[in-house]
Amino acid sequence: MRRILLLLVAALAVAAPAALAKAFPETIPLPNGWLPEGIAVKGNTFYAGSRADGAIYRGDLRTGQGSTFIQGEAGRVATGLKVARGLLFVSGANTGKAFVFDVKTGKLVHEYQLATGAAATFINDVTVTKDAAYFTDSNRPVIYKVALGKKHEPAATAQTIALTGEYQHVAGFNLNGIAATPSGKTLLAVQTATGKLFTIDPATGATKAVDTGGVTFANGDGILLQGKTLYVVQNADNKIAVVKLSDKLTAGTVVRYITDSDFDVPTTIARKGKWLYAVNARFTTPATPTTTYNVVQVER
């Protein structure tokens, strides 16, 4: 009997991690009419922004439950998001703005007017290093830098950095998703219109194309860098390309694609352990106050 009990305890111990992993819901609903595009994860908490009014939804990956964390305002938009240094960084799309919120209280820490003038702008995505946040503009050949102080306080003003080198600005949507190496010395970005990947020197704006052997990433949107693996969301294609990068990030090889029947134009992704969480923007579905939206969990 004692042996049987020991075997049963051992079996339960082995099964427990798998059971706990499955406890996280595979899809998480967002409020109807939310119009999401960006997602960020910190611990078991996720944040999803709204293109409708810039509101931010906060939820629990374990339970799928959540509520509006930051109320929206007329004229505000939220696209790419990142949580870092106790702050939530938000891209402001065609407003030309960026926002920084306190991740504990939801209080607005700073609002930036990154782009000015009559030319079109679309502040699309953001990545954060140890000393700065960098934003892409899908309509202008620049990135924007918000420096962070010793206590991670955002600078009062932002810097515009012109892109030079191999990057060529074209008609349509240009730089979109952006990520940074752990050192912060190199940025990676995808150009939606061409499907090309580029490295960016954040100090100078100098760019180099990543050699992917002729493979491009049509409808490239949000990206995620994990070690030397780059995940590239291809929104209208309903897939995520998994790219193995060379040590110096000069070349990359697509090793597989992640697909899921629940994908409905995913735009950006965030990571929790072995999982990726993609937000469905549903660009091909008419947006109404009752249109449903969700976040989808896939294994990376």
C-alpha atoms as a PDB file:
ATOM      1  CA  MET A   1       0.000   0.000   0.000  1.00  0.00           C
ATOM      2  CA  ARG A   2       2.818   2.413   0.917  1.00  0.00           C
ATOM      3  CA  ARG A   3       4.462   1.806  -2.452  1.00  0.00           C
ATOM      4  CA  ILE A   4       1.194   2.493  -4.256  1.00  0.00           C
ATOM      5  CA  LEU A   5       0.747   5.751  -2.379  1.00  0.00           C
ATOM      6  CA  LEU A   6       4.298   6.833  -3.194  1.00  0.00           C
ATOM      7  CA  LEU A   7       3.767   6.071  -6.874  1.00  0.00           C
ATOM      8  CA  LEU A   8       0.505   8.034  -6.822  1.00  0.00           C
ATOM      9  CA  VAL A   9       2.195  11.032  -5.188  1.00  0.00           C
ATOM     10  CA  ALA A  10       4.997  10.893  -7.752  1.00  0.00           C
ATOM     11  CA  ALA A  11       2.524  10.747 -10.630  1.00  0.00           C
ATOM     12  CA  LEU A  12       0.622  13.713  -9.286  1.00  0.00           C
ATOM     13  CA  ALA A  13       3.857  15.679  -8.885  1.00  0.00           C
ATOM     14  CA  VAL A  14       4.719  15.062 -12.533  1.00  0.00           C
ATOM     15  CA  ALA A  15       1.221  15.918 -13.723  1.00  0.00           C
ATOM     16  CA  ALA A  16       0.910  19.081 -11.640  1.00  0.00           C
ATOM     17  CA  PRO A  17       3.093  21.383 -13.825  1.00  0.00           C
ATOM     18  CA  ALA A  18       1.230  20.312 -16.968  1.00  0.00           C
ATOM     19  CA  ALA A  19      -2.113  20.870 -15.272  1.00  0.00           C
ATOM     20  CA  LEU A  20      -1.041  24.303 -14.077  1.00  0.00           C
ATOM     21  CA  ALA A  21       0.207  25.227 -17.554  1.00  0.00           C
ATOM     22  CA  LYS A  22      -3.141  24.276 -19.063  1.00  0.00           C
ATOM     23  CA  ALA A  23      -4.938  26.378 -16.460  1.00  0.00           C
ATOM     24  CA  PHE A  24      -3.987  29.551 -18.350  1.00  0.00           C
ATOM     25  CA  PRO A  25      -6.804  30.212 -20.840  1.00  0.00           C
ATOM     26  CA  GLU A  26      -5.959  29.852 -24.525  1.00  0.00           C
ATOM     27  CA  THR A  27      -8.063  32.876 -25.450  1.00  0.00           C
ATOM     28  CA  ILE A  28      -8.845  35.926 -23.356  1.00  0.00           C
ATOM     29  CA  PRO A  29     -11.734  38.224 -24.268  1.00  0.00           C
ATOM     30  CA  LEU A  30     -11.347  41.989 -24.435  1.00  0.00           C
ATOM     31  CA  PRO A  31     -14.281  44.384 -24.140  1.00  0.00           C
ATOM     32  CA  ASN A  32     -16.550  44.559 -27.172  1.00  0.00           C
ATOM     33  CA  GLY A  33     -15.626  47.376 -29.519  1.00  0.00           C
ATOM     34  CA  TRP A  34     -12.165  47.723 -27.935  1.00  0.00           C
ATOM     35  CA  LEU A  35     -10.182  48.039 -31.199  1.00  0.00           C
ATOM     36  CA  PRO A  36      -6.920  46.629 -29.812  1.00  0.00           C
ATOM     37  CA  GLU A  37      -3.514  46.601 -31.483  1.00  0.00           C
ATOM     38  CA  GLY A  38      -0.775  46.612 -28.835  1.00  0.00           C
ATOM     39  CA  ILE A  39      -0.114  44.199 -25.985  1.00  0.00           C
ATOM     40  CA  ALA A  40       2.448  44.119 -23.178  1.00  0.00           C
ATOM     41  CA  VAL A  41       3.033  41.568 -20.398  1.00  0.00           C
ATOM     42  CA  LYS A  42       4.613  41.904 -16.961  1.00  0.00           C
ATOM     43  CA  GLY A  43       4.474  38.831 -14.756  1.00  0.00           C
ATOM     44  CA  ASN A  44       0.965  37.408 -15.078  1.00  0.00           C
ATOM     45  CA  THR A  45      -0.526  40.788 -15.982  1.00  0.00           C
ATOM     46  CA  PHE A  46      -1.183  41.905 -19.532  1.00  0.00           C
ATOM     47  CA  TYR A  47      -2.070  45.302 -20.947  1.00  0.00           C
ATOM     48  CA  ALA A  48      -3.941  45.929 -24.213  1.00  0.00           C
ATOM     49  CA  GLY A  49      -4.426  49.363 -25.732  1.00  0.00           C
ATOM     50  CA  SER A  50      -7.403  50.721 -27.644  1.00  0.00           C
ATOM     51  CA  ARG A  51      -7.247  52.511 -30.974  1.00  0.00           C
ATOM     52  CA  ALA A  52     -10.664  53.971 -30.249  1.00  0.00           C
ATOM     53  CA  ASP A  53      -9.663  56.366 -27.464  1.00  0.00           C
ATOM     54  CA  GLY A  54      -6.275  55.310 -26.092  1.00  0.00           C
ATOM     55  CA  ALA A  55      -7.720  53.418 -23.129  1.00  0.00           C
ATOM     56  CA  ILE A  56      -5.631  50.641 -21.569  1.00  0.00           C
ATOM     57  CA  TYR A  57      -7.125  47.326 -20.461  1.00  0.00           C
ATOM     58  CA  ARG A  58      -5.373  45.327 -17.730  1.00  0.00           C
ATOM     59  CA  GLY A  59      -5.997  41.629 -17.246  1.00  0.00           C
ATOM     60  CA  ASP A  60      -4.705  38.452 -15.604  1.00  0.00           C
ATOM     61  CA  LEU A  61      -3.216  35.771 -17.871  1.00  0.00           C
ATOM     62  CA  ARG A  62      -4.091  33.084 -15.320  1.00  0.00           C
ATOM     63  CA  THR A  63      -7.795  33.827 -15.068  1.00  0.00           C
ATOM     64  CA  GLY A  64      -8.554  35.833 -18.190  1.00  0.00           C
ATOM     65  CA  GLN A  65     -10.285  38.408 -16.015  1.00  0.00           C
ATOM     66  CA  GLY A  66      -9.596  42.133 -16.235  1.00  0.00           C
ATOM     67  CA  SER A  67     -10.941  45.658 -16.503  1.00  0.00           C
ATOM     68  CA  THR A  68     -10.124  49.075 -17.887  1.00  0.00           C
ATOM     69  CA  PHE A  69      -6.963  50.307 -16.168  1.00  0.00           C
ATOM     70  CA  ILE A  70      -6.563  53.699 -17.847  1.00  0.00           C
ATOM     71  CA  GLN A  71      -9.623  55.491 -19.155  1.00  0.00           C
ATOM     72  CA  GLY A  72      -9.598  56.723 -22.728  1.00  0.00           C
ATOM     73  CA  GLU A  73      -9.895  60.299 -23.878  1.00  0.00           C
ATOM     74  CA  ALA A  74     -11.189  61.888 -27.067  1.00  0.00           C
ATOM     75  CA  GLY A  75      -8.363  62.307 -29.565  1.00  0.00           C
ATOM     76  CA  ARG A  76      -6.102  59.736 -27.912  1.00  0.00           C
ATOM     77  CA  VAL A  77      -4.964  56.469 -29.573  1.00  0.00           C
ATOM     78  CA  ALA A  78      -2.929  53.514 -28.284  1.00  0.00           C
ATOM     79  CA  THR A  79      -0.993  51.171 -30.569  1.00  0.00           C
ATOM     80  CA  GLY A  80       2.346  49.622 -29.516  1.00  0.00           C
ATOM     81  CA  LEU A  81       2.919  49.123 -25.752  1.00  0.00           C
ATOM     82  CA  LYS A  82       5.845  48.178 -23.525  1.00  0.00           C
ATOM     83  CA  VAL A  83       6.102  47.771 -19.741  1.00  0.00           C
ATOM     84  CA  ALA A  84       9.529  48.500 -18.267  1.00  0.00           C
ATOM     85  CA  ARG A  85      11.133  50.312 -15.324  1.00  0.00           C
ATOM     86  CA  GLY A  86       7.784  50.600 -13.555  1.00  0.00           C
ATOM     87  CA  LEU A  87       6.359  52.495 -16.526  1.00  0.00           C
ATOM     88  CA  LEU A  88       3.961  51.786 -19.367  1.00  0.00           C
ATOM     89  CA  PHE A  89       5.082  53.285 -22.691  1.00  0.00           C
ATOM     90  CA  VAL A  90       2.342  53.835 -25.292  1.00  0.00           C
ATOM     91  CA  SER A  91       2.578  54.736 -28.973  1.00  0.00           C
ATOM     92  CA  GLY A  92       0.004  57.246 -30.158  1.00  0.00           C
ATOM     93  CA  ALA A  93      -0.468  56.333 -33.845  1.00  0.00           C
ATOM     94  CA  ASN A  94      -1.669  59.184 -36.088  1.00  0.00           C
ATOM     95  CA  THR A  95      -1.774  61.666 -33.192  1.00  0.00           C
ATOM     96  CA  GLY A  96       2.014  61.878 -33.461  1.00  0.00           C
ATOM     97  CA  LYS A  97       2.168  61.429 -29.696  1.00  0.00           C
ATOM     98  CA  ALA A  98       3.607  59.045 -27.136  1.00  0.00           C
ATOM     99  CA  PHE A  99       2.488  58.561 -23.550  1.00  0.00           C
ATOM    100  CA  VAL A 100       4.181  57.268 -20.410  1.00  0.00           C
ATOM    101  CA  PHE A 101       2.087  56.047 -17.475  1.00  0.00           C
ATOM    102  CA  ASP A 102       2.935  54.830 -13.985  1.00  0.00           C
ATOM    103  CA  VAL A 103       2.271  51.082 -14.211  1.00  0.00           C
ATOM    104  CA  LYS A 104       1.063  50.884 -10.584  1.00  0.00           C
ATOM    105  CA  THR A 105      -1.303  53.829 -10.463  1.00  0.00           C
ATOM    106  CA  GLY A 106      -2.138  54.446 -14.114  1.00  0.00           C
ATOM    107  CA  LYS A 107      -1.205  58.099 -13.669  1.00  0.00           C
ATOM    108  CA  LEU A 108       0.053  59.915 -16.762  1.00  0.00           C
ATOM    109  CA  VAL A 109       3.757  60.647 -16.197  1.00  0.00           C
ATOM    110  CA  HIS A 110       4.490  62.377 -19.481  1.00  0.00           C
ATOM    111  CA  GLU A 111       2.936  63.105 -22.864  1.00  0.00           C
ATOM    112  CA  TYR A 112       5.153  63.772 -25.886  1.00  0.00           C
ATOM    113  CA  GLN A 113       4.317  65.368 -29.217  1.00  0.00           C
ATOM    114  CA  LEU A 114       6.884  63.390 -31.195  1.00  0.00           C
ATOM    115  CA  ALA A 115       5.856  64.416 -34.701  1.00  0.00           C
ATOM    116  CA  THR A 116       4.848  67.912 -35.773  1.00  0.00           C
ATOM    117  CA  GLY A 117       4.007  69.561 -39.078  1.00  0.00           C
ATOM    118  CA  ALA A 118       1.600  68.709 -41.873  1.00  0.00           C
ATOM    119  CA  ALA A 119       3.296  65.477 -43.014  1.00  0.00           C
ATOM    120  CA  ALA A 120       1.520  62.248 -42.117  1.00  0.00           C
ATOM    121  CA  THR A 121       2.690  60.426 -39.035  1.00  0.00           C
ATOM    122  CA  PHE A 122       1.920  57.133 -37.315  1.00  0.00           C
ATOM    123  CA  ILE A 123       3.740  56.425 -34.054  1.00  0.00           C
ATOM    124  CA  ASN A 124       3.441  52.670 -34.258  1.00  0.00           C
ATOM    125  CA  ASP A 125       5.556  50.711 -31.795  1.00  0.00           C
ATOM    126  CA  VAL A 126       8.030  51.132 -28.947  1.00  0.00           C
ATOM    127  CA  THR A 127      10.921  49.288 -27.352  1.00  0.00           C
ATOM    128  CA  VAL A 128      12.685  50.113 -24.086  1.00  0.00           C
ATOM    129  CA  THR A 129      16.368  49.710 -23.205  1.00  0.00           C
ATOM    130  CA  LYS A 130      18.105  50.409 -19.906  1.00  0.00           C
ATOM    131  CA  ASP A 131      18.477  54.093 -20.736  1.00  0.00           C
ATOM    132  CA  ALA A 132      15.868  55.019 -23.360  1.00  0.00           C
ATOM    133  CA  ALA A 133      12.594  54.258 -25.105  1.00  0.00           C
ATOM    134  CA  TYR A 134      12.519  54.218 -28.917  1.00  0.00           C
ATOM    135  CA  PHE A 135       9.402  54.718 -31.032  1.00  0.00           C
ATOM    136  CA  THR A 136       8.865  53.970 -34.729  1.00  0.00           C
ATOM    137  CA  ASP A 137       6.984  56.190 -37.163  1.00  0.00           C
ATOM    138  CA  SER A 138       5.436  54.209 -40.019  1.00  0.00           C
ATOM    139  CA  ASN A 139       5.057  57.349 -42.149  1.00  0.00           C
ATOM    140  CA  ARG A 140       8.414  59.059 -41.577  1.00  0.00           C
ATOM    141  CA  PRO A 141      12.033  57.819 -41.983  1.00  0.00           C
ATOM    142  CA  VAL A 142      12.916  58.448 -38.340  1.00  0.00           C
ATOM    143  CA  ILE A 143      12.787  56.940 -34.888  1.00  0.00           C
ATOM    144  CA  TYR A 144      12.165  58.910 -31.699  1.00  0.00           C
ATOM    145  CA  LYS A 145      14.149  58.574 -28.492  1.00  0.00           C
ATOM    146  CA  VAL A 146      12.956  59.343 -24.976  1.00  0.00           C
ATOM    147  CA  ALA A 147      15.964  59.161 -22.666  1.00  0.00           C
ATOM    148  CA  LEU A 148      15.580  57.635 -19.194  1.00  0.00           C
ATOM    149  CA  GLY A 149      17.439  59.007 -16.170  1.00  0.00           C
ATOM    150  CA  LYS A 150      19.300  57.143 -13.451  1.00  0.00           C
ATOM    151  CA  LYS A 151      16.030  56.493 -11.636  1.00  0.00           C
ATOM    152  CA  HIS A 152      14.334  55.659 -14.945  1.00  0.00           C
ATOM    153  CA  GLU A 153      12.571  59.008 -15.075  1.00  0.00           C
ATOM    154  CA  PRO A 154      11.628  59.952 -18.670  1.00  0.00           C
ATOM    155  CA  ALA A 155      13.281  63.032 -20.157  1.00  0.00           C
ATOM    156  CA  ALA A 156      11.183  66.159 -20.576  1.00  0.00           C
ATOM    157  CA  THR A 157      11.653  66.160 -24.357  1.00  0.00           C
ATOM    158  CA  ALA A 158      12.162  63.570 -27.074  1.00  0.00           C
ATOM    159  CA  GLN A 159      14.855  63.376 -29.731  1.00  0.00           C
ATOM    160  CA  THR A 160      14.210  62.690 -33.419  1.00  0.00           C
ATOM    161  CA  ILE A 161      16.798  60.436 -35.057  1.00  0.00           C
ATOM    162  CA  ALA A 162      16.897  60.328 -38.872  1.00  0.00           C
ATOM    163  CA  LEU A 163      17.400  56.901 -40.443  1.00  0.00           C
ATOM    164  CA  THR A 164      20.355  56.490 -42.794  1.00  0.00           C
ATOM    165  CA  GLY A 165      22.115  53.600 -44.515  1.00  0.00           C
ATOM    166  CA  GLU A 166      20.363  50.715 -46.260  1.00  0.00           C
ATOM    167  CA  TYR A 167      16.830  51.519 -45.141  1.00  0.00           C
ATOM    168  CA  GLN A 168      14.795  53.073 -47.958  1.00  0.00           C
ATOM    169  CA  HIS A 169      11.524  54.846 -47.226  1.00  0.00           C
ATOM    170  CA  VAL A 170       8.738  53.733 -49.599  1.00  0.00           C
ATOM    171  CA  ALA A 171       5.045  54.363 -50.203  1.00  0.00           C
ATOM    172  CA  GLY A 172       2.712  52.792 -47.660  1.00  0.00           C
ATOM    173  CA  PHE A 173       3.472  51.683 -44.100  1.00  0.00           C
ATOM    174  CA  ASN A 174       7.174  51.616 -43.286  1.00  0.00           C
ATOM    175  CA  LEU A 175       8.870  50.865 -39.956  1.00  0.00           C
ATOM    176  CA  ASN A 176       6.492  49.081 -37.649  1.00  0.00           C
ATOM    177  CA  GLY A 177       7.521  46.636 -34.902  1.00  0.00           C
ATOM    178  CA  ILE A 178      10.739  47.359 -33.037  1.00  0.00           C
ATOM    179  CA  ALA A 179      12.865  45.454 -30.514  1.00  0.00           C
ATOM    180  CA  ALA A 180      16.208  45.966 -28.770  1.00  0.00           C
ATOM    181  CA  THR A 181      19.114  43.711 -27.863  1.00  0.00           C
ATOM    182  CA  PRO A 182      19.758  43.305 -24.106  1.00  0.00           C
ATOM    183  CA  SER A 183      22.646  45.778 -24.278  1.00  0.00           C
ATOM    184  CA  GLY A 184      20.475  48.353 -26.034  1.00  0.00           C
ATOM    185  CA  LYS A 185      23.237  48.973 -28.576  1.00  0.00           C
ATOM    186  CA  THR A 186      21.265  47.569 -31.510  1.00  0.00           C
ATOM    187  CA  LEU A 187      17.618  47.877 -32.474  1.00  0.00           C
ATOM    188  CA  LEU A 188      15.716  45.636 -34.879  1.00  0.00           C
ATOM    189  CA  ALA A 189      12.666  46.691 -36.882  1.00  0.00           C
ATOM    190  CA  VAL A 190      10.436  45.360 -39.646  1.00  0.00           C
ATOM    191  CA  GLN A 191       9.282  47.450 -42.601  1.00  0.00           C
ATOM    192  CA  THR A 192       5.683  46.536 -43.345  1.00  0.00           C
ATOM    193  CA  ALA A 193       5.566  47.645 -46.986  1.00  0.00           C
ATOM    194  CA  THR A 194       8.630  45.644 -48.068  1.00  0.00           C
ATOM    195  CA  GLY A 195       8.669  42.904 -45.450  1.00  0.00           C
ATOM    196  CA  LYS A 196      12.347  43.558 -44.776  1.00  0.00           C
ATOM    197  CA  LEU A 197      14.175  43.485 -41.454  1.00  0.00           C
ATOM    198  CA  PHE A 198      16.714  46.123 -40.445  1.00  0.00           C
ATOM    199  CA  THR A 199      19.157  46.706 -37.643  1.00  0.00           C
ATOM    200  CA  ILE A 200      19.393  50.281 -36.365  1.00  0.00           C
ATOM    201  CA  ASP A 201      22.204  51.935 -34.463  1.00  0.00           C
ATOM    202  CA  PRO A 202      20.247  53.960 -31.883  1.00  0.00           C
ATOM    203  CA  ALA A 203      23.143  56.378 -31.455  1.00  0.00           C
ATOM    204  CA  THR A 204      23.307  57.407 -35.120  1.00  0.00           C
ATOM    205  CA  GLY A 205      20.235  56.084 -36.930  1.00  0.00           C
ATOM    206  CA  ALA A 206      22.442  54.052 -39.298  1.00  0.00           C
ATOM    207  CA  THR A 207      20.625  51.005 -40.664  1.00  0.00           C
ATOM    208  CA  LYS A 208      21.591  47.707 -42.259  1.00  0.00           C
ATOM    209  CA  ALA A 209      19.304  45.183 -43.915  1.00  0.00           C
ATOM    210  CA  VAL A 210      19.231  41.741 -42.310  1.00  0.00           C
ATOM    211  CA  ASP A 211      20.056  39.096 -44.936  1.00  0.00           C
ATOM    212  CA  THR A 212      17.182  36.613 -44.837  1.00  0.00           C
ATOM    213  CA  GLY A 213      18.067  34.830 -48.072  1.00  0.00           C
ATOM    214  CA  GLY A 214      15.386  36.611 -50.052  1.00  0.00           C
ATOM    215  CA  VAL A 215      12.600  35.752 -47.595  1.00  0.00           C
ATOM    216  CA  THR A 216      10.453  38.750 -46.675  1.00  0.00           C
ATOM    217  CA  PHE A 217       7.748  39.222 -44.073  1.00  0.00           C
ATOM    218  CA  ALA A 218       4.664  40.512 -45.814  1.00  0.00           C
ATOM    219  CA  ASN A 219       2.402  42.503 -43.497  1.00  0.00           C
ATOM    220  CA  GLY A 220       5.142  42.522 -40.851  1.00  0.00           C
ATOM    221  CA  ASP A 221       3.814  44.085 -37.648  1.00  0.00           C
ATOM    222  CA  GLY A 222       4.891  43.543 -34.044  1.00  0.00           C
ATOM    223  CA  ILE A 223       8.185  41.774 -33.326  1.00  0.00           C
ATOM    224  CA  LEU A 224       9.746  40.117 -30.279  1.00  0.00           C
ATOM    225  CA  LEU A 225      13.430  39.336 -29.763  1.00  0.00           C
ATOM    226  CA  GLN A 226      14.331  36.452 -27.462  1.00  0.00           C
ATOM    227  CA  GLY A 227      18.033  35.686 -27.474  1.00  0.00           C
ATOM    228  CA  LYS A 228      18.908  35.164 -31.131  1.00  0.00           C
ATOM    229  CA  THR A 229      15.337  34.243 -32.035  1.00  0.00           C
ATOM    230  CA  LEU A 230      13.136  36.906 -33.583  1.00  0.00           C
ATOM    231  CA  TYR A 231       9.366  36.493 -33.777  1.00  0.00           C
ATOM    232  CA  VAL A 232       7.714  38.523 -36.538  1.00  0.00           C
ATOM    233  CA  VAL A 233       3.922  38.888 -36.607  1.00  0.00           C
ATOM    234  CA  GLN A 234       2.515  38.896 -40.152  1.00  0.00           C
ATOM    235  CA  ASN A 235      -0.886  40.329 -39.411  1.00  0.00           C
ATOM    236  CA  ALA A 236      -3.105  39.730 -42.466  1.00  0.00           C
ATOM    237  CA  ASP A 237      -1.342  36.403 -43.062  1.00  0.00           C
ATOM    238  CA  ASN A 238      -2.411  35.187 -39.614  1.00  0.00           C
ATOM    239  CA  LYS A 239       1.003  33.807 -38.736  1.00  0.00           C
ATOM    240  CA  ILE A 240       4.158  34.501 -36.747  1.00  0.00           C
ATOM    241  CA  ALA A 241       7.505  33.873 -38.432  1.00  0.00           C
ATOM    242  CA  VAL A 242      10.236  32.416 -36.217  1.00  0.00           C
ATOM    243  CA  VAL A 243      13.632  33.669 -37.381  1.00  0.00           C
ATOM    244  CA  LYS A 244      17.021  32.436 -36.154  1.00  0.00           C
ATOM    245  CA  LEU A 245      19.487  35.324 -36.278  1.00  0.00           C
ATOM    246  CA  SER A 246      23.242  35.173 -36.665  1.00  0.00           C
ATOM    247  CA  ASP A 247      25.451  36.207 -33.771  1.00  0.00           C
ATOM    248  CA  LYS A 248      25.984  39.702 -35.197  1.00  0.00           C
ATOM    249  CA  LEU A 249      22.347  40.024 -36.362  1.00  0.00           C
ATOM    250  CA  THR A 250      23.487  40.428 -39.954  1.00  0.00           C
ATOM    251  CA  ALA A 251      21.534  37.417 -41.240  1.00  0.00           C
ATOM    252  CA  GLY A 252      18.480  35.396 -40.355  1.00  0.00           C
ATOM    253  CA  THR A 253      16.796  32.134 -41.342  1.00  0.00           C
ATOM    254  CA  VAL A 254      13.112  31.343 -41.005  1.00  0.00           C
ATOM    255  CA  VAL A 255      12.857  28.048 -39.142  1.00  0.00           C
ATOM    256  CA  ARG A 256       9.075  27.789 -38.897  1.00  0.00           C
ATOM    257  CA  TYR A 257       5.792  29.648 -38.743  1.00  0.00           C
ATOM    258  CA  ILE A 258       3.356  29.698 -35.842  1.00  0.00           C
ATOM    259  CA  THR A 259      -0.300  29.581 -36.842  1.00  0.00           C
ATOM    260  CA  ASP A 260      -3.488  29.144 -34.872  1.00  0.00           C
ATOM    261  CA  SER A 261      -7.139  28.804 -35.823  1.00  0.00           C
ATOM    262  CA  ASP A 262      -7.948  31.597 -33.352  1.00  0.00           C
ATOM    263  CA  PHE A 263      -5.754  34.152 -35.137  1.00  0.00           C
ATOM    264  CA  ASP A 264      -7.796  36.959 -36.706  1.00  0.00           C
ATOM    265  CA  VAL A 265      -5.272  39.533 -37.929  1.00  0.00           C
ATOM    266  CA  PRO A 266      -2.914  39.468 -34.934  1.00  0.00           C
ATOM    267  CA  THR A 267      -0.783  42.583 -34.678  1.00  0.00           C
ATOM    268  CA  THR A 268       1.588  42.472 -31.698  1.00  0.00           C
ATOM    269  CA  ILE A 269       2.886  39.857 -29.284  1.00  0.00           C
ATOM    270  CA  ALA A 270       4.295  39.569 -25.782  1.00  0.00           C
ATOM    271  CA  ARG A 271       5.929  36.650 -23.976  1.00  0.00           C
ATOM    272  CA  LYS A 272       5.163  34.761 -20.762  1.00  0.00           C
ATOM    273  CA  GLY A 273       7.380  31.718 -20.239  1.00  0.00           C
ATOM    274  CA  LYS A 274       6.964  29.303 -23.133  1.00  0.00           C
ATOM    275  CA  TRP A 275       3.899  31.149 -24.384  1.00  0.00           C
ATOM    276  CA  LEU A 276       3.369  34.032 -26.753  1.00  0.00           C
ATOM    277  CA  TYR A 277       0.272  36.191 -26.415  1.00  0.00           C
ATOM    278  CA  ALA A 278      -1.008  37.797 -29.605  1.00  0.00           C
ATOM    279  CA  VAL A 279      -3.754  40.389 -29.761  1.00  0.00           C
ATOM    280  CA  ASN A 280      -6.288  40.103 -32.586  1.00  0.00           C
ATOM    281  CA  ALA A 281      -6.905  43.487 -34.212  1.00  0.00           C
ATOM    282  CA  ARG A 282      -9.451  42.044 -36.679  1.00  0.00           C
ATOM    283  CA  PHE A 283      -8.724  44.723 -39.296  1.00  0.00           C
ATOM    284  CA  THR A 284     -10.862  42.890 -41.877  1.00  0.00           C
ATOM    285  CA  THR A 285     -13.937  42.854 -39.628  1.00  0.00           C
ATOM    286  CA  PRO A 286     -16.225  45.908 -39.499  1.00  0.00           C
ATOM    287  CA  ALA A 287     -15.619  47.737 -36.230  1.00  0.00           C
ATOM    288  CA  THR A 288     -18.801  48.295 -34.253  1.00  0.00           C
ATOM    289  CA  PRO A 289     -19.517  48.782 -30.548  1.00  0.00           C
ATOM    290  CA  THR A 290     -20.412  45.076 -30.355  1.00  0.00           C
ATOM    291  CA  THR A 291     -17.474  43.664 -32.347  1.00  0.00           C
ATOM    292  CA  THR A 292     -15.608  41.111 -30.237  1.00  0.00           C
ATOM    293  CA  TYR A 293     -11.840  41.052 -29.720  1.00  0.00           C
ATOM    294  CA  ASN A 294      -9.466  38.774 -27.862  1.00  0.00           C
ATOM    295  CA  VAL A 295      -5.925  37.767 -26.983  1.00  0.00           C
ATOM    296  CA  VAL A 296      -4.640  34.380 -28.163  1.00  0.00           C
ATOM    297  CA  GLN A 297      -2.089  32.174 -26.403  1.00  0.00           C
ATOM    298  CA  VAL A 298       0.285  30.097 -28.561  1.00  0.00           C
ATOM    299  CA  GLU A 299       3.375  28.063 -27.713  1.00  0.00           C
ATOM    300  CA  ARG A 300       6.566  29.686 -28.903  1.00  0.00           C
END
